Amino acid sequence: MKRLINLGLVSEKVNKNDKRQKLISLTKKGKELLFKVYVGFSKIQDVMVGLNIEQRELLIHTLQSLDTFHTGNIQSLSNNSKK
C-alpha cells in the first residue's frame, strides 16, 4: 500500500469515526492508470481472436508463469522491507 501511496496512485486518510481505520481512495493519477489498464485488457480479445486453441493455451500458460514469477518477487521484496 505504501508503494501505491508513494507513487501517487492512492491516498490515505484516517477515518473520522474510527481512528484505528484508514480510508484508501484512488487519486486522479490512479484512476487514469486504471483506465489505461482497462483499455489494455479490452485489446486482449483482439489479440486472442487470431490465435488457435494451442496458441491461446500457450499464451495463457506464459502469462500465468509471468504472474507467478512477479508475484513471488513482489512478496519477497515486501517481506525484506519489513525486516
Protein backbone atom coordinates (compact mmCIF):
# COMPACT_ATOMS: atom_id res chain seq x y z
CA MET A 1 0.00 0.00 0.00
CA LYS A 2 2.86 2.35 0.80
CA ARG A 3 4.24 1.92 -2.71
CA LEU A 4 0.89 2.93 -4.21
CA ILE A 5 0.77 5.97 -1.93
CA ASN A 6 4.37 6.91 -2.78
CA LEU A 7 3.57 6.57 -6.49
CA GLY A 8 0.61 8.91 -6.03
CA LEU A 9 -1.92 6.29 -7.16
CA VAL A 10 -3.90 6.18 -3.91
CA SER A 11 -4.40 8.49 -0.96
CA GLU A 12 -4.83 7.56 2.68
CA LYS A 13 -6.85 9.33 5.36
CA VAL A 14 -7.74 8.45 8.92
CA ASN A 15 -11.40 7.53 9.40
CA LYS A 16 -13.01 10.30 11.48
CA ASN A 17 -15.45 7.80 13.02
CA ASP A 18 -12.83 5.20 13.92
CA LYS A 19 -9.26 6.44 14.28
CA ARG A 20 -7.97 2.86 14.01
CA GLN A 21 -9.09 2.70 10.39
CA LYS A 22 -7.59 4.31 7.33
CA LEU A 23 -9.63 5.18 4.26
CA ILE A 24 -7.95 4.48 0.93
CA SER A 25 -9.03 6.24 -2.28
CA LEU A 26 -7.80 6.28 -5.84
CA THR A 27 -6.21 9.57 -6.83
CA LYS A 28 -6.75 11.18 -10.21
CA LYS A 29 -3.44 9.65 -11.31
CA GLY A 30 -4.59 6.24 -10.04
CA LYS A 31 -7.90 6.49 -11.90
CA GLU A 32 -6.09 7.45 -15.11
CA LEU A 33 -3.78 4.44 -14.78
CA LEU A 34 -6.68 2.12 -14.02
CA PHE A 35 -8.48 3.36 -17.14
CA LYS A 36 -5.36 2.64 -19.23
CA VAL A 37 -5.23 -0.87 -17.78
CA TYR A 38 -8.89 -1.46 -18.66
CA VAL A 39 -8.26 -0.25 -22.21
CA GLY A 40 -5.29 -2.62 -22.45
CA PHE A 41 -7.38 -5.53 -21.19
CA SER A 42 -10.05 -4.81 -23.79
CA LYS A 43 -7.42 -5.15 -26.52
CA ILE A 44 -6.53 -8.67 -25.36
CA GLN A 45 -9.61 -10.03 -27.11
CA ASP A 46 -8.37 -8.54 -30.38
CA VAL A 47 -5.10 -10.45 -29.98
CA MET A 48 -6.76 -13.69 -28.90
CA VAL A 49 -9.16 -13.81 -31.85
CA GLY A 50 -6.33 -14.55 -34.29
CA LEU A 51 -4.89 -17.43 -32.24
CA ASN A 52 -5.77 -21.09 -32.48
CA ILE A 53 -6.52 -23.07 -29.30
CA GLU A 54 -2.92 -24.27 -28.82
CA GLN A 55 -1.58 -20.74 -29.18
CA ARG A 56 -4.17 -19.43 -26.71
CA GLU A 57 -3.24 -22.11 -24.17
CA LEU A 58 0.46 -21.32 -24.60
CA LEU A 59 -0.19 -17.60 -24.16
CA ILE A 60 -2.29 -18.19 -21.04
CA HIS A 61 0.35 -20.52 -19.58
CA THR A 62 3.11 -17.98 -20.28
CA LEU A 63 1.11 -15.14 -18.70
CA GLN A 64 0.38 -17.28 -15.63
CA SER A 65 4.08 -18.10 -15.30
CA LEU A 66 4.97 -14.41 -15.51
CA ASP A 67 2.33 -13.58 -12.91
CA THR A 68 3.64 -16.26 -10.54
CA PHE A 69 7.22 -15.06 -11.02
CA HIS A 70 6.43 -11.40 -10.45
CA THR A 71 4.06 -12.07 -7.54
CA GLY A 72 6.84 -14.02 -5.84
CA ASN A 73 9.29 -11.16 -6.41
CA ILE A 74 6.87 -8.58 -5.02
CA GLN A 75 6.16 -10.71 -1.95
CA SER A 76 9.89 -11.25 -1.41
CA LEU A 77 10.58 -7.52 -1.65
CA SER A 78 7.71 -6.81 0.70
CA ASN A 79 8.97 -9.34 3.25
CA ASN A 80 12.52 -7.95 3.03
CA SER A 81 11.33 -4.40 3.61
CA LYS A 82 9.53 -5.43 6.82
CA LYS A 83 12.77 -6.74 8.37
